[in-house]
């Protein structure tokens, strides 16, 4: 797993913004519900006020006017039976005065209602009623003169004249009563319309209020669920932290979440990757330090005896060269010399591990370095019937590397690939840019490495071959990780093995702390390559 690139939250949705947005939506839905409820309540109050302060007083005054008019009309109709003109006159004059007062009160109530009405239709209805009442009031103004003529006719006992006046007066009062009834009916219709409209509005308001309340609950539930989902990855990050605390430094895939938690997960997994690589490098350094101490001690103990044995073998060969000895004796001397040479080679291999310094990293052209290594090794590979095909992508960024150590690692990988193909074949050496790094791949077409042992090939002293120290690939991994890179062994599609080395790019010169210089000799040969069937 590669280090994850850092991203900013400028283009991402933060948890605070999301929660605030969800809360704002819920608040807006609640505000709409409350506003609609207040509006409905206000309309209801207006209707109630309009009904109680407008229609009810108006209906009361109009009812009193109609009652007075009905009394006056009934009295007029009963005049023929009345035997006391003085009493009749007093009663009629009182009713006329009372009716005039009722007209004034009704007109006043209509004017008040017209000014207080909240709807145009109500104000227009009040204005029409006011005009009608004024017209009726003008008509009844003729009652006074007709009554005077009636009283004169009654005093003169002119029955014909009395009857004529009574017919005219009764017709007039009948029309007035009819007009007042029409006004009252119109007023009653308005009251019914207002009541019916209030009932319909109340029903609609109840339904709308219920719908808005339900919407508010849904929005609140959705906002809660959304917030819980946003915060759910926090448990995953917490569990990962506990795993790391227990020693699990294997990076996992970060959470795919476009919030701070996703950023936290990516940063956390990048930290785990860095910690794992640092621990691996520290373990590798400790392991190689231990191997180096052991190698230095063993080499010191056996090199002098080996030198003496080798010198004595040379002297013995010189003596045997001029003496008649058996073939068996010469074979034994040759076998001893060969084993001494092998021990010397092994001691030199251990000594190189002890002398392996920390890399001095410089930003340089890796393509040129790879080409140089390939050209150096092509004759050797050709002698083993192996074709080295090189593929260098262009352009390539500059890479931080120590040329001598990179040369040592690649020579080891290429020679391992050569040993994996004893019958010859093709080795592919490719270099390409990949994100923030450069990939160097070595592909062979050998028998491959079994999956069950592929994870152990970079361990020191691990080898399935009968010869070698088993340190070749361990040294390669140590060099790559000291460069801040990674190395992986993969099965090649079509057969064989691929070693994939990734090195970070860089533009500035960097130098790692170095150990005391003991020389830099490249590792000759690859002693840790594993082949099936070996």
Protein backbone atom coordinates (compact mmCIF):
# COMPACT_ATOMS: atom_id res chain seq x y z
CA UNK A 1 0.00 0.00 0.00
CA UNK A 2 1.41 3.39 -1.01
CA UNK A 3 1.29 6.55 1.08
CA UNK A 4 -1.93 8.36 0.50
CA UNK A 5 -1.83 11.83 -0.96
CA UNK A 6 -2.91 14.68 1.25
CA UNK A 7 -6.04 16.56 0.31
CA UNK A 8 -7.54 19.73 1.65
CA UNK A 9 -11.08 20.16 2.92
CA UNK A 10 -11.62 23.29 0.87
CA UNK A 11 -13.47 21.28 -1.79
CA UNK A 12 -15.01 18.80 0.61
CA UNK A 13 -18.09 18.91 2.74
CA UNK A 14 -17.29 19.33 6.42
CA UNK A 15 -19.33 17.63 9.12
CA UNK A 16 -20.09 21.00 10.72
CA UNK A 17 -21.48 22.35 7.45
CA UNK A 18 -23.52 19.21 6.82
CA UNK A 19 -24.97 19.15 10.33
CA UNK A 20 -25.65 22.89 10.15
CA UNK A 21 -27.33 22.45 6.76
CA UNK A 22 -29.48 19.58 8.06
CA UNK A 23 -30.40 21.60 11.14
CA UNK A 24 -31.19 24.62 8.95
CA UNK A 25 -33.55 22.52 6.81
CA UNK A 26 -35.30 21.18 9.89
CA UNK A 27 -35.47 24.70 11.32
CA UNK A 28 -36.92 26.08 8.07
CA UNK A 29 -39.55 23.33 8.01
CA UNK A 30 -40.39 24.08 11.64
CA UNK A 31 -40.49 27.83 10.92
CA UNK A 32 -42.86 27.26 7.98
CA UNK A 33 -45.10 25.14 10.22
CA UNK A 34 -45.11 27.76 12.99
CA UNK A 35 -45.65 30.60 10.52
CA UNK A 36 -48.54 28.83 8.86
CA UNK A 37 -50.04 28.04 12.26
CA UNK A 38 -49.73 31.68 13.32
CA UNK A 39 -51.21 32.84 10.00
CA UNK A 40 -54.14 30.46 10.38
CA UNK A 41 -54.67 31.56 13.96
CA UNK A 42 -54.54 35.20 12.90
CA UNK A 43 -57.13 34.62 10.17
CA UNK A 44 -59.34 32.80 12.66
CA UNK A 45 -59.03 35.66 15.12
CA UNK A 46 -59.86 38.13 12.34
CA UNK A 47 -62.95 36.16 11.40
CA UNK A 48 -64.00 35.96 15.03
CA UNK A 49 -63.47 39.67 15.56
CA UNK A 50 -65.26 40.43 12.32
CA UNK A 51 -68.16 38.26 13.39
CA UNK A 52 -68.41 39.41 17.01
CA UNK A 53 -67.48 43.09 16.61
CA UNK A 54 -68.97 43.64 13.19
CA UNK A 55 -71.72 41.28 12.14
CA UNK A 56 -73.22 40.61 15.55
CA UNK A 57 -73.77 44.28 16.56
CA UNK A 58 -74.95 45.02 13.03
CA UNK A 59 -77.37 42.08 13.12
CA UNK A 60 -78.61 43.21 16.54
CA UNK A 61 -79.24 46.79 15.37
CA UNK A 62 -80.89 45.59 12.18
CA UNK A 63 -83.04 43.20 14.15
CA UNK A 64 -84.14 46.01 16.46
CA UNK A 65 -84.93 48.17 13.41
CA UNK A 66 -86.98 45.37 11.88
CA UNK A 67 -88.80 44.76 15.15
CA UNK A 68 -89.67 48.45 15.43
CA UNK A 69 -90.76 48.46 11.82
CA UNK A 70 -92.90 45.35 12.36
CA UNK A 71 -94.56 46.98 15.36
CA UNK A 72 -95.21 50.16 13.40
CA UNK A 73 -96.60 48.14 10.49
CA UNK A 74 -98.88 46.13 12.78
CA UNK A 75 -100.16 49.24 14.44
CA UNK A 76 -100.91 50.84 11.09
CA UNK A 77 -102.86 47.77 10.05
CA UNK A 78 -104.89 47.95 13.27
CA UNK A 79 -105.87 51.60 12.92
CA UNK A 80 -109.43 50.87 11.67
CA UNK A 81 -110.20 49.20 14.98
CA UNK A 82 -108.75 51.99 17.07
CA UNK A 83 -111.41 54.17 18.78
CA UNK A 84 -109.14 56.69 20.52
CA UNK A 85 -107.29 58.87 17.94
CA UNK A 86 -105.23 60.69 20.60
CA UNK A 87 -103.75 57.45 21.97
CA UNK A 88 -103.12 56.18 18.44
CA UNK A 89 -101.35 59.36 17.50
CA UNK A 90 -99.10 59.21 20.54
CA UNK A 91 -98.20 55.58 19.85
CA UNK A 92 -97.44 56.17 16.16
CA UNK A 93 -95.29 59.21 16.87
CA UNK A 94 -93.32 57.26 19.48
CA UNK A 95 -92.73 54.39 17.03
CA UNK A 96 -91.64 56.79 14.28
CA UNK A 97 -89.13 58.41 16.62
CA UNK A 98 -87.88 55.01 17.77
CA UNK A 99 -87.59 53.80 14.16
CA UNK A 100 -85.58 56.89 13.24
CA UNK A 101 -83.20 56.17 16.08
CA UNK A 102 -82.89 52.54 14.94
CA UNK A 103 -82.05 53.71 11.41
CA UNK A 104 -79.28 55.94 12.76
CA UNK A 105 -77.91 53.11 14.92
CA UNK A 106 -78.02 50.69 11.98
CA UNK A 107 -76.23 53.11 9.68
CA UNK A 108 -73.62 53.72 12.38
CA UNK A 109 -73.11 49.95 12.84
CA UNK A 110 -72.78 49.48 9.07
CA UNK A 111 -70.19 52.27 8.84
CA UNK A 112 -68.19 50.79 11.69
CA UNK A 113 -68.29 47.35 10.09
CA UNK A 114 -67.28 48.75 6.71
CA UNK A 115 -64.19 50.36 8.20
CA UNK A 116 -63.26 47.30 10.27
CA UNK A 117 -63.85 44.62 7.59
CA UNK A 118 -60.69 42.75 6.49
CA UNK A 119 -61.93 41.53 3.13
CA UNK A 120 -62.93 43.60 0.15
CA UNK A 121 -66.10 41.56 -0.36
CA UNK A 122 -67.20 42.30 3.19
CA UNK A 123 -66.50 45.99 2.83
CA UNK A 124 -68.38 46.10 -0.49
CA UNK A 125 -71.32 44.27 1.09
CA UNK A 126 -71.39 46.74 3.98
CA UNK A 127 -71.28 49.67 1.58
CA UNK A 128 -74.21 48.24 -0.45
CA UNK A 129 -76.23 47.64 2.73
CA UNK A 130 -75.46 51.16 3.90
CA UNK A 131 -76.78 52.59 0.61
CA UNK A 132 -79.89 50.42 0.87
CA UNK A 133 -80.60 51.49 4.46
CA UNK A 134 -80.18 55.14 3.48
CA UNK A 135 -82.63 54.64 0.61
CA UNK A 136 -85.16 52.95 2.91
CA UNK A 137 -84.74 55.75 5.43
CA UNK A 138 -85.55 58.30 2.74
CA UNK A 139 -88.71 56.41 1.87
CA UNK A 140 -90.00 56.27 5.41
CA UNK A 141 -89.44 60.04 5.72
CA UNK A 142 -92.82 60.47 3.94
CA UNK A 143 -94.55 58.70 6.83
CA UNK A 144 -94.73 61.94 8.77
CA UNK A 145 -96.87 63.85 6.25
CA UNK A 146 -99.06 60.82 5.59
CA UNK A 147 -99.67 60.37 9.30
CA UNK A 148 -100.63 64.06 9.63
CA UNK A 149 -103.17 63.69 6.84
CA UNK A 150 -104.40 60.48 8.43
CA UNK A 151 -104.96 62.15 11.79
CA UNK A 152 -106.83 65.07 10.11
CA UNK A 153 -109.03 62.64 8.21
CA UNK A 154 -109.76 60.70 11.39
CA UNK A 155 -110.69 63.96 13.20
CA UNK A 156 -113.05 64.83 10.34
CA UNK A 157 -114.40 61.26 10.40
CA UNK A 158 -113.73 61.15 6.66
CA UNK A 159 -113.67 57.39 6.39
CA UNK A 160 -112.98 57.33 2.66
CA UNK A 161 -110.00 59.61 3.12
CA UNK A 162 -108.80 57.52 6.07
CA UNK A 163 -109.00 54.33 4.02
CA UNK A 164 -107.12 55.87 1.12
CA UNK A 165 -104.32 57.09 3.37
CA UNK A 166 -104.18 53.77 5.21
CA UNK A 167 -103.84 51.85 1.91
CA UNK A 168 -100.96 54.09 0.85
CA UNK A 169 -99.34 53.91 4.28
CA UNK A 170 -99.74 50.12 4.51
CA UNK A 171 -98.17 49.68 1.07
CA UNK A 172 -95.27 51.90 2.06
CA UNK A 173 -94.68 50.03 5.30
CA UNK A 174 -94.94 46.74 3.49
CA UNK A 175 -92.20 47.83 1.04
CA UNK A 176 -90.03 49.07 3.89
CA UNK A 177 -90.46 45.81 5.74
CA UNK A 178 -89.61 43.86 2.58
CA UNK A 179 -86.50 45.95 1.93
CA UNK A 180 -85.32 45.54 5.52
CA UNK A 181 -85.91 41.80 5.24
CA UNK A 182 -83.79 41.72 2.08
CA UNK A 183 -81.00 43.59 3.82
CA UNK A 184 -81.24 41.22 6.78
CA UNK A 185 -81.17 38.20 4.46
CA UNK A 186 -78.12 39.57 2.70
CA UNK A 187 -76.45 40.11 6.06
CA UNK A 188 -77.36 36.58 7.10
CA UNK A 189 -75.90 35.23 3.86
CA UNK A 190 -72.67 37.06 4.58
CA UNK A 191 -72.57 35.57 8.05
CA UNK A 192 -73.14 32.11 6.62
CA UNK A 193 -70.43 32.63 4.00
CA UNK A 194 -68.02 33.85 6.64
CA UNK A 195 -68.80 30.90 8.87
CA UNK A 196 -68.51 28.44 5.99
CA UNK A 197 -65.24 30.00 4.81
CA UNK A 198 -63.90 29.81 8.35
CA UNK A 199 -64.85 26.16 8.60
CA UNK A 200 -63.21 25.35 5.24
CA UNK A 201 -60.12 27.33 6.15
CA UNK A 202 -59.92 25.64 9.52
CA UNK A 203 -60.20 22.21 7.90
CA UNK A 204 -57.55 23.06 5.31
CA UNK A 205 -55.38 24.59 7.98
CA UNK A 206 -55.64 21.42 10.06
CA UNK A 207 -54.65 19.27 7.08
CA UNK A 208 -51.84 21.61 6.08
CA UNK A 209 -50.63 21.86 9.66
CA UNK A 210 -50.63 18.08 9.97
CA UNK A 211 -48.75 17.78 6.66
CA UNK A 212 -46.20 20.39 7.70
CA UNK A 213 -45.78 18.73 11.06
CA UNK A 214 -45.21 15.40 9.33
CA UNK A 215 -42.75 17.08 6.96
CA UNK A 216 -40.90 18.58 9.90
CA UNK A 217 -40.66 15.17 11.55
CA UNK A 218 -39.42 13.60 8.30
CA UNK A 219 -36.83 16.34 7.80
CA UNK A 220 -35.70 15.98 11.39
CA UNK A 221 -35.46 12.19 11.04
CA UNK A 222 -33.54 12.48 7.77
CA UNK A 223 -31.19 15.04 9.30
CA UNK A 224 -30.62 12.76 12.30
CA UNK A 225 -29.95 9.72 10.12
CA UNK A 226 -27.65 11.76 7.90
CA UNK A 227 -25.70 13.01 10.88
CA UNK A 228 -25.42 9.48 12.31
CA UNK A 229 -24.14 8.20 8.96
CA UNK A 230 -21.60 11.00 8.79
CA UNK A 231 -20.35 10.17 12.28
CA UNK A 232 -20.49 6.37 11.88
CA UNK A 233 -16.95 6.17 10.39
CA UNK A 234 -15.67 7.55 13.69
CA UNK A 235 -16.13 4.09 15.23
CA UNK A 236 -14.10 2.58 12.41
CA UNK A 237 -11.27 5.03 13.01
CA UNK A 238 -11.45 4.32 16.75
CA UNK A 239 -11.26 0.56 16.15
CA UNK A 240 -8.31 1.07 13.81
CA UNK A 241 -6.55 3.12 16.49
CA UNK A 242 -7.07 0.25 18.97
CA UNK A 243 -5.69 -2.23 16.43
CA UNK A 244 -2.62 -0.06 15.91
CA UNK A 245 -2.18 0.23 19.67
CA UNK A 246 -2.13 -3.59 19.79
CA UNK A 247 0.65 -3.63 17.20
CA UNK A 248 -1.23 -4.02 13.90
CA UNK A 249 0.67 -1.70 11.55
CA UNK A 250 -0.77 -3.11 8.32
CA UNK A 251 -2.44 -0.21 6.44
CA UNK A 252 -6.09 -0.64 5.46
CA UNK A 253 -8.16 1.08 2.84
CA UNK A 254 -9.23 4.50 4.17
CA UNK A 255 -12.86 5.45 4.60
CA UNK A 256 -14.47 6.80 1.44
CA UNK A 257 -16.02 9.81 3.12
CA UNK A 258 -15.82 13.39 1.85
CA UNK A 259 -15.67 14.91 5.34
CA UNK A 260 -13.12 15.49 8.08
CA UNK A 261 -13.53 11.83 9.07
CA UNK A 262 -12.48 10.73 5.60
CA UNK A 263 -9.52 13.08 5.83
CA UNK A 264 -8.75 11.74 9.30
CA UNK A 265 -8.95 8.14 8.04
CA UNK A 266 -6.64 8.87 5.12
CA UNK A 267 -4.18 10.67 7.36
CA UNK A 268 -4.40 7.88 9.94
CA UNK A 269 -3.74 5.13 7.37
CA UNK A 270 -0.86 7.19 5.96
CA UNK A 271 0.53 7.42 9.49
CA UNK A 272 0.11 3.65 9.95
CA UNK A 273 1.90 3.10 6.64
CA UNK A 274 4.75 5.37 7.74
CA UNK A 275 4.95 3.72 11.16
CA UNK A 276 4.94 0.26 9.60
CA UNK A 277 7.66 1.22 7.16
CA UNK A 278 9.68 2.88 9.92
CA UNK A 279 9.31 -0.20 12.11
CA UNK A 280 10.22 -2.47 9.21
CA UNK A 281 13.26 -0.34 8.44
CA UNK A 282 14.23 -0.26 12.11
CA UNK A 283 13.89 -4.04 12.36
CA UNK A 284 15.85 -4.41 9.16
CA UNK A 285 18.56 -2.11 10.50
CA UNK A 286 18.68 -3.99 13.78
CA UNK A 287 18.75 -7.31 11.96
CA UNK A 288 21.48 -6.20 9.61
CA UNK A 289 23.40 -4.67 12.49
CA UNK A 290 23.26 -8.00 14.30
CA UNK A 291 24.22 -9.84 11.13
CA UNK A 292 27.01 -7.35 10.55
CA UNK A 293 28.42 -7.86 14.04
CA UNK A 294 28.20 -11.59 13.65
CA UNK A 295 29.68 -11.43 10.16
CA UNK A 296 32.56 -9.24 11.32
CA UNK A 297 33.28 -11.58 14.21
CA UNK A 298 33.04 -14.75 12.11
CA UNK A 299 35.10 -13.26 9.31
CA UNK A 300 37.76 -12.14 11.75
CA UNK A 301 37.90 -15.62 13.27
CA UNK A 302 38.07 -17.60 10.02
CA UNK A 303 39.88 -15.38 7.50
CA UNK A 304 43.33 -15.87 8.99
CA UNK A 305 42.96 -19.68 9.24
CA UNK A 306 41.53 -19.71 5.71
CA UNK A 307 44.44 -17.64 4.45
CA UNK A 308 46.89 -20.07 6.05
CA UNK A 309 45.04 -23.04 4.65
CA UNK A 310 44.96 -21.47 1.19
CA UNK A 311 48.69 -20.68 1.32
CA UNK A 312 49.52 -24.19 2.43
CA UNK A 313 47.33 -25.61 -0.31
CA UNK A 314 49.26 -23.60 -2.90
CA UNK A 315 52.54 -24.91 -1.50
CA UNK A 316 51.16 -28.43 -1.49
CA UNK A 317 50.05 -28.06 -5.12
CA UNK A 318 53.54 -26.91 -6.09
CA UNK A 319 55.11 -29.92 -4.38
CA UNK A 320 52.63 -32.33 -5.91
CA UNK A 321 53.12 -30.80 -9.33
CA UNK A 322 56.66 -32.28 -9.66
CA UNK A 323 56.00 -35.50 -7.75
CA UNK A 324 54.36 -38.65 -8.99
CA UNK A 325 51.09 -38.78 -7.04
CA UNK A 326 47.82 -40.56 -7.63
CA UNK A 327 44.87 -38.89 -9.33
CA UNK A 328 42.86 -39.38 -6.15
CA UNK A 329 45.34 -37.23 -4.20
CA UNK A 330 45.14 -34.42 -6.74
CA UNK A 331 41.32 -34.64 -6.68
CA UNK A 332 41.28 -34.36 -2.89
CA UNK A 333 43.56 -31.32 -2.95
CA UNK A 334 41.34 -29.68 -5.60
CA UNK A 335 38.21 -30.38 -3.54
CA UNK A 336 39.77 -28.86 -0.42
CA UNK A 337 40.88 -25.80 -2.39
CA UNK A 338 37.38 -25.38 -3.83
CA UNK A 339 35.78 -25.52 -0.38
CA UNK A 340 38.32 -23.02 0.94
CA UNK A 341 37.45 -20.67 -1.92
CA UNK A 342 33.73 -21.09 -1.13
CA UNK A 343 34.35 -20.25 2.52
CA UNK A 344 36.33 -17.19 1.49
CA UNK A 345 33.46 -16.13 -0.78
CA UNK A 346 30.95 -16.61 2.04
CA UNK A 347 33.10 -14.63 4.45
CA UNK A 348 33.33 -11.81 1.87
CA UNK A 349 29.51 -11.88 1.52
CA UNK A 350 29.03 -11.52 5.26
CA UNK A 351 31.66 -8.82 5.35
CA UNK A 352 29.79 -6.82 2.71
CA UNK A 353 26.67 -6.94 4.91
CA UNK A 354 28.70 -5.62 7.83
CA UNK A 355 30.05 -2.81 5.64
CA UNK A 356 26.73 -1.77 4.04
CA UNK A 357 26.44 1.99 4.73
CA UNK A 358 23.33 4.19 4.83
CA UNK A 359 22.54 5.61 1.38
CA UNK A 360 23.59 9.11 0.37
CA UNK A 361 20.49 10.31 -1.48
CA UNK A 362 20.79 12.71 -4.38
CA UNK A 363 18.19 13.88 -6.88
CA UNK A 364 19.36 12.47 -10.21
CA UNK A 365 18.28 11.04 -13.57
CA UNK A 366 17.23 7.48 -12.84
CA UNK A 367 16.82 6.64 -16.54
CA UNK A 368 20.53 7.21 -17.15
CA UNK A 369 21.43 5.09 -14.13
CA UNK A 370 19.16 2.23 -15.26
CA UNK A 371 20.57 2.37 -18.82
CA UNK A 372 24.12 2.20 -17.45
CA UNK A 373 23.31 -0.85 -15.33
CA UNK A 374 21.54 -2.57 -18.24
CA UNK A 375 24.45 -1.95 -20.63
CA UNK A 376 26.89 -3.25 -18.03
CA UNK A 377 24.98 -6.51 -17.52
CA UNK A 378 23.88 -7.27 -21.10
CA UNK A 379 27.10 -9.13 -22.09
CA UNK A 380 26.89 -11.32 -18.99
CA UNK A 381 23.23 -12.15 -19.66
CA UNK A 382 23.91 -12.79 -23.34
CA UNK A 383 26.49 -15.41 -22.38
CA UNK A 384 23.63 -17.23 -20.62
CA UNK A 385 21.37 -16.95 -23.71
CA UNK A 386 19.21 -14.27 -22.06
CA UNK A 387 17.94 -11.14 -23.80
CA UNK A 388 17.52 -8.03 -21.62
CA UNK A 389 14.77 -5.75 -22.94
CA UNK A 390 14.75 -2.26 -21.47
CA UNK A 391 11.73 0.05 -21.56
CA UNK A 392 12.20 3.54 -20.14
CA UNK A 393 9.20 5.87 -20.08
CA UNK A 394 9.78 9.49 -21.06
CA UNK A 395 9.83 11.92 -19.47
CA UNK A 396 10.75 10.64 -16.01
CA UNK A 397 10.92 12.82 -12.89
CA UNK A 398 14.15 13.07 -10.94
CA UNK A 399 14.49 10.54 -8.14
CA UNK A 400 16.33 10.55 -4.82
CA UNK A 401 18.77 7.61 -4.85
CA UNK A 402 22.29 6.44 -4.05
CA UNK A 403 23.65 5.26 -7.40
CA UNK A 404 26.05 2.67 -6.01
CA UNK A 405 23.46 1.05 -3.77
CA UNK A 406 20.75 1.17 -6.46
CA UNK A 407 23.25 -0.48 -8.82
CA UNK A 408 23.89 -3.19 -6.21
CA UNK A 409 20.16 -3.86 -5.74
CA UNK A 410 19.33 -4.01 -9.47
CA UNK A 411 22.32 -6.22 -10.28
CA UNK A 412 21.10 -8.59 -7.58
CA UNK A 413 17.55 -8.66 -8.99
CA UNK A 414 18.71 -9.12 -12.59
CA UNK A 415 21.11 -11.92 -11.67
CA UNK A 416 18.34 -13.58 -9.67
CA UNK A 417 16.16 -13.38 -12.79
CA UNK A 418 18.99 -14.92 -14.80
CA UNK A 419 19.29 -17.82 -12.36
CA UNK A 420 15.52 -18.37 -12.58
CA UNK A 421 15.92 -19.09 -16.33
CA UNK A 422 18.76 -21.62 -16.70
CA UNK A 423 17.66 -22.40 -20.25
CA UNK A 424 17.71 -18.75 -21.33
CA UNK A 425 14.85 -16.41 -22.28
CA UNK A 426 13.90 -12.78 -21.93
CA UNK A 427 14.11 -10.39 -18.98
CA UNK A 428 12.12 -7.13 -19.07
CA UNK A 429 13.49 -4.11 -17.23
CA UNK A 430 11.00 -1.20 -17.23
CA UNK A 431 10.83 2.20 -15.58
CA UNK A 432 7.77 4.46 -15.45
CA UNK A 433 6.35 7.30 -13.37
CA UNK A 434 3.46 6.52 -11.03
CA UNK A 435 1.95 9.33 -8.94
CA UNK A 436 4.58 10.61 -6.53
CA UNK A 437 7.04 7.84 -7.32
CA UNK A 438 8.86 5.92 -10.03
CA UNK A 439 8.32 2.20 -10.60
CA UNK A 440 11.27 -0.02 -11.56
CA UNK A 441 10.10 -3.51 -12.57
CA UNK A 442 12.14 -6.64 -13.31
CA UNK A 443 10.15 -9.40 -15.06
CA UNK A 444 11.48 -12.88 -15.75
CA UNK A 445 9.89 -15.87 -17.43
CA UNK A 446 11.09 -18.54 -15.06
CA UNK A 447 9.17 -21.13 -13.12
CA UNK A 448 7.91 -18.55 -10.63
CA UNK A 449 7.75 -18.49 -6.84
CA UNK A 450 5.04 -20.41 -4.97
CA UNK A 451 2.47 -18.20 -3.25
CA UNK A 452 2.98 -19.87 0.13
CA UNK A 453 6.65 -18.86 0.36
CA UNK A 454 6.57 -15.57 -1.56
CA UNK A 455 6.10 -13.61 1.66
CA UNK A 456 9.35 -14.97 3.15
CA UNK A 457 11.79 -14.37 0.31
CA UNK A 458 13.02 -11.07 1.76
CA UNK A 459 13.89 -12.63 5.14
CA UNK A 460 17.62 -12.93 5.83
CA UNK A 461 19.08 -16.45 5.41
CA UNK A 462 15.88 -17.69 3.72
CA UNK A 463 16.73 -19.74 0.65
CA UNK A 464 15.71 -22.97 -1.02
CA UNK A 465 18.98 -23.23 -2.96
CA UNK A 466 21.78 -25.36 -1.72
CA UNK A 467 24.35 -22.59 -1.94
CA UNK A 468 24.55 -18.96 -0.91
CA UNK A 469 23.91 -17.04 2.27
CA UNK A 470 20.25 -16.17 1.70
CA UNK A 471 21.08 -12.47 2.12
CA UNK A 472 20.71 -11.22 -1.47
CA UNK A 473 17.03 -10.18 -1.47
CA UNK A 474 17.23 -9.13 2.17
CA UNK A 475 19.96 -6.66 1.18
CA UNK A 476 17.87 -5.48 -1.78
CA UNK A 477 14.88 -4.81 0.47
CA UNK A 478 17.06 -3.03 3.00
CA UNK A 479 18.50 -0.76 0.30
CA UNK A 480 15.08 0.03 -1.18
CA UNK A 481 13.51 0.82 2.19
CA UNK A 482 16.51 2.94 3.15
CA UNK A 483 15.68 4.98 0.03
CA UNK A 484 12.13 5.49 1.37
CA UNK A 485 10.71 3.09 -1.21
CA UNK A 486 8.97 -0.27 -1.30
CA UNK A 487 9.58 -3.57 -3.05
CA UNK A 488 7.06 -6.28 -3.87
CA UNK A 489 7.27 -9.69 -5.42
CA UNK A 490 4.35 -10.61 -7.70
CA UNK A 491 3.42 -13.46 -9.98
CA UNK A 492 3.84 -12.38 -13.58
CA UNK A 493 0.89 -12.87 -15.90
CA UNK A 494 1.85 -15.61 -18.34
CA UNK A 495 4.35 -17.20 -15.95
CA UNK A 496 7.41 -16.06 -14.11
CA UNK A 497 7.98 -13.43 -11.44
CA UNK A 498 7.94 -9.66 -11.25
CA UNK A 499 9.88 -7.61 -8.72
CA UNK A 500 8.33 -4.14 -8.42
CA UNK A 501 10.43 -1.39 -6.80
CA UNK A 502 8.91 2.01 -6.10
CA UNK A 503 11.16 4.97 -5.30
CA UNK A 504 9.96 8.45 -4.29
CA UNK A 505 10.62 11.38 -6.58
CA UNK A 506 12.62 14.36 -5.35
CA UNK A 507 14.16 17.64 -6.50
CA UNK A 508 16.43 18.50 -3.58
CA UNK A 509 19.62 16.88 -2.50
CA UNK A 510 19.34 14.83 0.67
CA UNK A 511 21.99 12.91 2.55
CA UNK A 512 21.23 10.25 5.09
CA UNK A 513 23.50 9.89 8.11
CA UNK A 514 26.26 7.51 7.12
CA UNK A 515 28.09 4.89 9.05
CA UNK A 516 31.88 4.88 9.05
CA UNK A 517 33.01 4.04 5.56
CA UNK A 518 34.18 0.46 5.20
CA UNK A 519 34.06 0.42 1.42
CA UNK A 520 31.19 -0.07 -1.02
CA UNK A 521 31.38 -3.31 -2.89
CA UNK A 522 28.40 -4.48 -4.90
CA UNK A 523 26.90 -7.81 -4.02
CA UNK A 524 28.01 -10.31 -6.64
CA UNK A 525 25.32 -12.76 -7.59
CA UNK A 526 21.90 -13.33 -6.17
CA UNK A 527 21.99 -15.97 -3.49
CA UNK A 528 18.41 -15.63 -2.29
CA UNK A 529 16.40 -16.32 -5.44
CA UNK A 530 13.91 -19.15 -4.91
CA UNK A 531 12.90 -21.45 -7.69
CA UNK A 532 10.31 -24.16 -7.64
CA UNK A 533 11.82 -27.53 -7.70
CA UNK A 534 15.08 -26.35 -6.11
